[in-house]
Each structure stands twice: as C-alpha cells, then as structure tokens.
Amino acid sequence: MVRPTHSTSIVTLLMLFLSVTDARAQLSGTWVGRTSPDWEPGIHLGCWNLMRSGFAGGRVTRNVNDVVGLELIADTRPKASDTDPAYALAGLQLKVGLPFKTGAGAPYSIFLTSGYAVAAGLSVPLTRTFGAGFQTRGRSLGLRVEFQNLIAGHTLNNSGRVLMGFSAGTRH
C-alpha cells in the first residue's frame, strides 16, 4: 500500500490553488469580490459515519482572502457507549475555496480542507485530515457543512464524519 507523503499533499494543494485561480478567470460574472471576513470563529455539531453519537466543537478561520484560509479546529464527544468512547481532537488545516454569488442572493463558496489533527481517546493519535464542503455567508452569520475524512483511520467507514455549523465574521 502506498502512503501519500507531505510533499504529495503540498503539490496537490498547489495544483488545486492554481486550478481555482484559473477557474476564477474563466467564470466572469459569477466571481465576486472579497466577501470573506478576516477572522471567522464558529461552532459545529457533527457525527461519525452518520451514527447516533455526535460531537460538538468549534473552529477559528483566518482568511487570507476569499480563496485561502488557515483553520484551527477542536471538538470533543462524551462517552456514548462501550463502542463509542469519549475523545478530544484538535487540528490545523488549510482551506482552499471558490466563492460565488448568484443574483441578489448571499455569497457562497465550495471548499476543500487539508491538514493534521491530534486526538486523545481515538485509536490513532495523529492523523491527516481531508474535507470538502459548502459555506454561505450572510451579513454577520454563515452556515457551513463539511464532509471530512481522517486519513489515518483504518477504513473510510470508521474515519468519515459530517460537520454542520454556524460562524460569525469580523473584518478589520
């Protein structure tokens, strides 16, 4: 089995960024100016593998611009049963997004995230993360849905999770 290296992740993110900026040039009329706040704290709820046990957490995003952001994430879950132990997780990830606006509606973006997380209470203490999602932005609040995979998990079935949350933004 071939495991991706750090350089593979960096090259992949660079290629993604170049593709996004090329797509930006081709999407005349749908690309919007700067809509993301500089700092974006948020809270989220989620579940692993669509199971009954959920988790809660938060994140803080430092948006460099509408395309690139750096996120600090943290979440926790109390022990739900013998098969669903308690855990705590913290991570740092890069977010690469593509913002849009349709008519008079609120701006939205599709995005990818990639990074690393450390955990206590899970079978793997250090894992790479990869996610994809959708985010809307209103005047002060945004809604975000992300599907995330912890790559060090044994199978996609026991390492996938869904996060849904709200965020507020500040611009300096």
Foldseek 3Di string as FASTA:
>chain_A
DDDDDPVNVVVVVVVVQVVLVVVLVVPPPWADAFDAAQKKKKKKKKDALPDPFIKIWIKMWGAPTPFKIKMKIKIWGPQPDPVRHTKIKIWIKMKGWHWTDDDPDFIKIKIKIWTKMAMDPDPDGIFIKIKIWMKTDDPFKMKIKMWMFGVPDPDSSGGIMIMIIMIGHHHD
